[in-house]
Protein backbone atom coordinates (compact mmCIF):
# COMPACT_ATOMS: atom_id res chain seq x y z
CA MET A 1 18.46 -1.85 -4.15
CA LYS A 2 17.43 1.57 -2.77
CA PHE A 3 14.25 3.38 -3.70
CA THR A 4 12.85 6.71 -2.68
CA ILE A 5 9.06 6.85 -2.96
CA SER A 6 6.42 9.37 -2.08
CA LEU A 7 3.14 7.83 -1.20
CA THR A 8 0.76 6.94 1.54
CA GLY A 9 0.54 3.30 2.49
CA ALA A 10 1.62 1.61 -0.71
CA VAL A 11 0.50 4.23 -3.28
CA THR A 12 3.39 4.34 -5.65
CA ALA A 13 4.42 7.78 -6.81
CA ALA A 14 7.81 8.61 -8.34
CA PHE A 15 11.07 6.81 -7.40
CA SER A 16 14.69 6.98 -8.20
CA LEU A 17 17.15 4.14 -8.24
CA ALA A 18 20.38 4.30 -6.35
CA PRO A 19 23.24 1.77 -5.83
CA THR A 20 22.39 -1.59 -4.37
CA ALA A 21 23.69 -2.81 -0.97
CA TYR A 22 22.91 -6.44 -0.66
CA SER A 23 23.73 -9.39 1.14
CA LEU A 24 24.70 -12.87 0.87
CA LYS A 25 24.45 -15.57 3.44
CA GLN A 26 24.14 -19.27 3.70
CA GLY A 27 21.23 -19.26 6.06
CA PHE A 28 21.00 -19.55 9.92
CA ALA A 29 18.43 -19.88 12.69
CA GLY A 30 17.72 -18.08 15.95
CA ASN A 31 15.92 -15.02 17.27
CA VAL A 32 15.61 -11.58 15.89
CA LEU A 33 18.33 -9.10 16.94
CA ALA A 34 16.99 -6.32 18.91
CA ASP A 35 19.64 -3.57 18.95
CA HIS A 36 22.79 -2.18 17.27
CA ASN A 37 25.21 -3.39 19.97
CA GLU A 38 23.90 -7.09 19.61
CA PHE A 39 24.43 -6.77 15.86
CA LYS A 40 28.02 -5.55 16.35
CA GLN A 41 28.75 -8.72 18.42
CA PHE A 42 27.10 -10.78 15.56
CA GLU A 43 29.53 -9.11 13.03
CA GLY A 44 32.44 -10.69 14.84
CA MET A 45 31.18 -14.25 14.75
CA ASN A 46 32.75 -16.92 12.60
CA ALA A 47 30.79 -18.70 9.98
CA VAL A 48 29.70 -21.67 12.30
CA ASP A 49 28.58 -19.36 14.97
CA ARG A 50 26.61 -17.29 12.53
CA MET A 51 24.76 -20.45 11.35
CA MET A 52 23.33 -20.76 14.79
CA ALA A 53 22.94 -17.07 15.43
CA VAL A 54 20.27 -14.53 14.56
CA THR A 55 18.77 -12.44 11.87
CA LYS A 56 18.01 -8.83 12.39
CA LEU A 57 14.51 -8.10 10.88
CA ALA A 58 13.71 -4.79 12.60
CA TRP A 59 15.67 -1.56 13.26
CA ASN A 60 14.34 0.01 16.41
CA GLU A 61 17.21 2.39 16.60
CA CYS A 62 15.85 4.27 13.58
CA MET A 63 12.96 5.59 15.84
CA SER A 64 15.35 8.05 17.87
CA GLY A 65 18.66 9.74 17.94
CA GLU A 66 20.90 10.12 14.82
CA TYR A 67 19.29 7.22 13.04
CA ASN A 68 15.86 8.83 13.10
CA ASP A 69 16.89 10.63 9.88
CA ALA A 70 15.67 8.55 6.96
CA ASN A 71 18.84 8.64 5.00
CA ALA A 72 21.04 7.90 8.12
CA CYS A 73 18.62 4.96 8.93
CA GLU A 74 18.92 3.72 5.24
CA ASN A 75 22.73 3.83 5.55
CA LEU A 76 22.72 1.90 8.70
CA ILE A 77 20.39 -0.78 7.36
CA ASP A 78 22.49 -1.07 4.13
CA GLN A 79 25.59 -1.55 6.22
CA GLU A 80 24.15 -4.13 8.47
CA LEU A 81 22.50 -6.07 5.56
CA ALA A 82 25.85 -6.24 3.81
CA ALA A 83 27.57 -7.54 7.02
CA MET A 84 24.92 -10.27 7.34
CA ASN A 85 26.27 -11.79 4.14
CA LEU A 86 22.80 -13.10 3.21
CA SER A 87 22.14 -15.49 0.31
CA PHE A 88 19.27 -13.40 -0.99
CA PRO A 89 19.00 -9.71 -2.05
CA VAL A 90 17.30 -7.22 0.07
CA ASP A 91 16.10 -3.75 -1.15
CA THR A 92 15.94 -0.82 1.19
CA VAL A 93 13.02 1.54 0.45
CA ILE A 94 12.17 5.00 1.84
CA ILE A 95 8.53 5.77 1.63
CA TYR A 96 7.53 9.33 2.34
CA THR A 97 4.18 10.58 3.41
CA ARG A 98 2.22 12.26 0.67
CA THR A 99 1.86 15.87 0.07
CA PRO A 100 -0.63 17.80 -2.14
CA GLU A 101 2.14 18.03 -4.76
CA SER A 102 2.71 14.20 -4.78
CA PRO A 103 1.79 12.61 -8.16
CA THR A 104 -0.55 10.19 -6.40
CA SER A 105 -2.26 12.71 -4.09
CA ASN A 106 -5.50 12.14 -6.16
CA ALA A 107 -5.87 8.64 -4.62
CA TRP A 108 -8.06 7.93 -1.81
CA VAL A 109 -6.61 5.02 0.11
CA ILE A 110 -9.13 2.22 1.05
CA PRO A 111 -7.93 -0.25 3.88
CA MET A 112 -9.45 -3.73 3.88
CA ASP A 113 -9.66 -6.71 6.12
CA GLU A 114 -8.66 -10.16 4.93
CA ASN A 115 -12.19 -10.70 3.37
CA SER A 116 -11.64 -7.62 1.14
CA MET A 117 -14.25 -5.63 2.99
CA CYS A 118 -13.54 -1.99 3.63
CA VAL A 119 -12.70 -1.25 7.27
CA GLY A 120 -10.76 1.98 7.13
CA LYS A 121 -7.36 2.80 8.75
CA TYR A 122 -8.61 2.25 12.25
CA GLY A 123 -10.89 -0.67 11.60
CA ASP A 124 -14.11 1.25 12.32
CA GLY A 125 -15.00 2.01 8.70
CA ARG A 126 -13.97 5.60 8.60
CA LEU A 127 -12.19 6.74 5.50
CA PHE A 128 -10.28 10.09 5.18
CA TYR A 129 -8.94 12.04 2.28
CA GLU A 130 -6.20 14.31 3.72
CA PHE A 131 -5.97 17.08 1.02
CA ASP A 132 -8.33 19.80 -0.44
CA TRP A 133 -10.13 18.87 -3.68
CA CYS A 134 -10.08 21.90 -6.01
CA VAL A 135 -12.54 21.84 -8.84
CA GLU A 136 -12.33 24.31 -11.77
CA GLU A 137 -15.39 23.12 -13.68
CA GLU A 138 -18.38 20.95 -12.52
CA LYS A 139 -18.01 18.59 -15.39
CA SER A 140 -16.93 14.88 -15.48
CA MET A 141 -13.93 13.86 -17.48
CA SER A 142 -14.81 12.42 -20.76
CA SER A 143 -11.46 12.03 -22.69
CA GLU A 144 -10.30 8.47 -22.53
CA ASP A 145 -6.70 9.68 -22.70
CA SER A 146 -7.20 11.97 -19.79
CA ILE A 147 -8.96 9.33 -17.86
CA GLU A 148 -6.03 6.96 -18.44
CA LYS A 149 -3.49 9.46 -17.46
CA SER A 150 -5.27 10.26 -14.28
CA ARG A 151 -4.71 6.70 -13.13
CA GLU A 152 -1.43 5.94 -14.79
CA LEU A 153 0.49 5.66 -11.41
CA ILE A 154 -2.37 3.85 -9.67
CA LYS A 155 -2.40 0.41 -10.92
CA PRO A 156 -3.47 -3.02 -9.70
CA SER A 157 -0.78 -5.12 -8.15
CA LYS A 158 0.76 -8.19 -9.75
CA TRP A 159 -1.14 -10.35 -7.40
CA THR A 160 -4.41 -8.51 -8.29
CA LYS A 161 -3.84 -8.96 -11.97
CA MET A 162 -2.55 -12.60 -11.99
CA ILE A 163 -4.44 -14.16 -9.16
CA ALA A 164 -7.40 -12.11 -7.97
CA ALA A 165 -8.70 -11.19 -11.42
CA ASN A 166 -9.12 -15.06 -12.20
CA LYS A 167 -11.46 -15.52 -9.30
CA ASN A 168 -15.20 -15.80 -10.18
CA VAL A 169 -17.35 -13.94 -7.54
CA GLU A 170 -20.98 -13.69 -7.97
CA CYS A 171 -22.81 -10.93 -5.98
CA ILE A 172 -26.41 -10.10 -5.74
CA ASP A 173 -27.26 -7.16 -8.05
CA VAL A 174 -29.18 -4.89 -5.71
CA ASP A 175 -30.39 -2.60 -8.41
CA GLY A 176 -31.32 -5.56 -10.75
CA ASP A 177 -30.04 -3.76 -13.81
CA GLY A 178 -26.60 -5.38 -14.27
CA ASP A 179 -24.85 -2.19 -13.18
CA LEU A 180 -23.09 -3.84 -10.27
CA ASP A 181 -21.69 -6.66 -12.43
CA ALA A 182 -20.51 -4.12 -14.87
CA TRP A 183 -18.66 -2.23 -12.08
CA HIS A 184 -16.99 -5.40 -10.84
CA ASN A 185 -15.95 -6.47 -14.25
CA LYS A 186 -14.06 -3.18 -14.91
CA ALA A 187 -12.67 -2.99 -11.30
CA MET A 188 -9.19 -4.15 -12.36
CA LYS A 189 -9.02 -1.20 -14.78
CA VAL A 190 -10.20 1.70 -12.57
CA MET A 191 -8.38 1.17 -9.27
CA GLY A 192 -5.00 0.21 -7.88
CA GLY A 193 -3.31 -1.88 -5.19
CA ASP A 194 -3.90 -5.37 -3.80
CA PHE A 195 -7.62 -6.24 -3.94
CA GLU A 196 -10.11 -8.78 -5.13
CA ILE A 197 -13.83 -8.64 -5.84
CA ALA A 198 -16.02 -9.23 -2.74
CA CYS A 199 -19.77 -8.72 -2.06
CA SER A 200 -20.97 -5.93 0.05
CA GLU A 201 -23.71 -6.43 2.64
CA ILE A 202 -26.99 -5.60 0.90
CA ASP A 203 -28.29 -3.15 3.42
CA ALA A 204 -24.91 -1.32 3.48
CA TYR A 205 -24.83 -1.16 -0.29
CA GLU A 206 -28.35 0.21 -0.49
CA GLN A 207 -27.80 2.81 2.29
CA LYS A 208 -24.36 3.98 1.01
CA VAL A 209 -23.69 3.30 -2.59
CA LYS A 210 -27.20 3.70 -3.94
CA LYS A 211 -27.60 6.84 -1.83
CA ALA A 212 -24.38 8.34 -3.04
CA LYS A 213 -25.48 7.65 -6.77
CA GLU A 214 -28.91 9.23 -6.15
CA GLU A 215 -27.51 12.36 -4.35
CA GLY A 216 -24.71 12.97 -6.68
CA SER A 217 -21.59 15.05 -6.18
CA ILE A 218 -20.52 16.46 -2.83
CA VAL A 219 -17.89 18.66 -4.57
CA HIS A 220 -18.43 22.00 -6.30
CA LYS A 221 -16.44 24.60 -8.01
CA GLY A 222 -13.67 25.88 -5.83
CA CYS A 223 -11.49 24.16 -3.21
CA GLN A 224 -13.09 22.08 -0.35
CA LYS A 225 -12.30 19.62 2.33
CA LEU A 226 -13.82 16.17 1.72
CA PRO A 227 -15.88 14.82 4.61
CA GLU A 228 -15.01 11.70 6.52
CA ILE A 229 -17.16 8.84 5.10
CA ASN A 230 -18.05 5.42 6.50
CA CYS A 231 -17.63 2.26 4.52
CA LEU A 232 -18.50 -0.47 6.92
CA GLY A 233 -20.48 -3.28 5.18
CA LEU A 234 -19.09 -2.33 1.74
CA SER A 235 -16.32 -4.37 -0.17
CA GLY A 236 -13.36 -2.26 -0.89
CA VAL A 237 -14.23 -2.30 -4.58
CA ASP A 238 -17.70 -1.00 -3.78
CA ALA A 239 -16.41 1.60 -1.42
CA CYS A 240 -14.39 2.88 -4.43
CA ARG A 241 -17.70 3.15 -6.34
CA MET A 242 -19.29 5.16 -3.64
CA ILE A 243 -16.31 7.58 -3.53
CA LYS A 244 -16.33 8.04 -7.36
CA GLU A 245 -20.12 8.83 -7.19
CA MET A 246 -19.40 11.40 -4.52
CA VAL A 247 -16.39 13.02 -6.30
CA PRO A 248 -17.14 12.87 -10.07
CA TYR A 249 -15.22 16.01 -11.07
CA PRO A 250 -11.43 16.14 -11.74
CA ASN A 251 -9.35 18.42 -9.63
CA LYS A 252 -7.40 21.50 -10.83
CA ASN A 253 -4.61 19.22 -11.97
CA GLY A 254 -6.86 17.45 -14.42
CA LYS A 255 -6.98 14.22 -12.34
CA ASN A 256 -9.98 12.23 -11.16
CA MET A 257 -10.44 10.95 -7.63
CA GLU A 258 -8.89 7.46 -7.81
CA CYS A 259 -8.83 4.53 -5.41
CA PHE A 260 -5.91 2.59 -4.05
CA LEU A 261 -6.98 -0.55 -2.14
CA GLN A 262 -4.77 -2.31 0.37
CA TYR A 263 -5.03 -4.84 3.05
CA LEU A 264 -4.33 -3.79 6.70
CA PRO A 265 -0.58 -4.23 7.62
CA ASP A 266 -1.27 -7.19 10.01
CA SER A 267 -3.87 -8.86 7.78
CA PRO A 268 -3.35 -12.65 7.15
CA LYS A 269 -4.06 -11.77 3.55
CA LYS A 270 -0.46 -10.45 3.25
CA ALA A 271 0.94 -13.96 3.78
CA GLU A 272 -1.64 -15.45 1.44
CA ILE A 273 -0.66 -12.92 -1.30
CA GLU A 274 3.00 -13.90 -0.77
CA ARG A 275 2.24 -17.67 -1.01
CA ASP A 276 0.22 -17.17 -4.16
CA LEU A 277 3.00 -15.18 -5.90
CA ILE A 278 5.60 -17.80 -4.90
CA LYS A 279 3.39 -20.60 -6.43
CA ILE A 280 3.37 -18.86 -9.76
CA ASN A 281 7.11 -18.16 -9.57
CA GLU A 282 6.62 -14.45 -9.16
CA PRO A 283 7.94 -14.07 -5.47
CA PRO A 284 7.76 -10.64 -4.02
CA ARG A 285 11.12 -8.93 -3.42
CA ASN A 286 12.73 -8.91 0.09
CA LYS A 287 12.83 -5.38 1.35
CA VAL A 288 13.18 -3.15 4.35
CA VAL A 289 10.75 -0.29 4.27
CA ILE A 290 11.54 2.98 5.94
CA TYR A 291 8.39 5.12 6.39
CA ALA A 292 9.31 8.80 6.85
CA LYS A 293 7.68 12.27 7.01
CA LEU A 294 8.66 14.20 3.91
CA GLU A 295 8.79 17.61 5.62
CA THR A 296 11.27 16.49 8.24
CA ASN A 297 12.93 13.40 6.87
CA ARG A 298 12.10 11.69 10.19
CA VAL A 299 11.39 8.07 10.39
CA ILE A 300 7.85 7.46 11.70
CA SER A 301 7.67 3.65 12.16
CA ILE A 302 10.15 0.79 12.85
CA PRO A 303 11.63 -0.36 9.67
CA ARG A 304 11.16 -4.10 9.11
CA MET A 305 12.40 -6.62 6.69
CA THR A 306 9.55 -8.24 4.71
CA GLY A 307 9.48 -10.79 1.84
CA PRO A 308 9.66 -14.58 1.31
CA ASP A 309 13.13 -14.88 2.94
CA ALA A 310 12.45 -12.49 5.82
CA ARG A 311 11.41 -15.23 8.17
CA ILE A 312 14.85 -16.81 8.26
CA GLY A 313 16.20 -16.62 11.79
CA ALA A 314 12.81 -15.50 13.21
CA GLN A 315 10.85 -17.54 15.77
């Protein structure tokens, strides 16, 4: 099944469904096919040879030439998936970089390590928000309907709701007023993505979250670039609280600053999440993700197959 999505990382925006190109195959073992020519040879194999052959899990050819166009890359992948004759469905997904007009542009993305601690995109704790934040009135949103509408596209994942939400994590309440527990208890309702409750380092919490709460808003009436902030020592959930203290006013589109939490792409947490979902009979879908720049439609990273069946044929 094909999707076209506009987001950063995994922040879901709008998508449209198109015809499905899937695959059916009995299973085989071997190495990962590296290029288009090798795959053409694979297409000519008989069933017995294929059983001992290879699975293609990455499409390097989409990084240059004619297949660097997202739609051409998608067509190539769909054709090759169909030719593999796999025994499981595989969705192809085009994920575009966000623009200020994207319906999820009001989400600040918070990358985390496998311990659910905020580390930033580059692992050094730096968090960036790439758009201007334009405020019409220095007043926090009070309408429950408006608050809910602001985060209607930014929801916790299936794993977060069904697995992580059931874990009991006790953190030291630095303020001693029960405020931290209250924040953690409502976390599943106020942010999106894959995440679980984790405890921040006490010194970091006092220096960053308490300070942000005491100093108040960093945004004012008009449009402004938001500064880079450092979240090291904070859990992803508490980093979101710091951000919300710093940006309490909605933007000109009537949306609050929201948080989308996600684990780093190479985090072992990804495999844990997959195993957890399989255990509860809610396995993630197999898919090939094509990341592309919206303005040029150019593919910006190697498309790879992921999902519970994506390991077939890989060493």
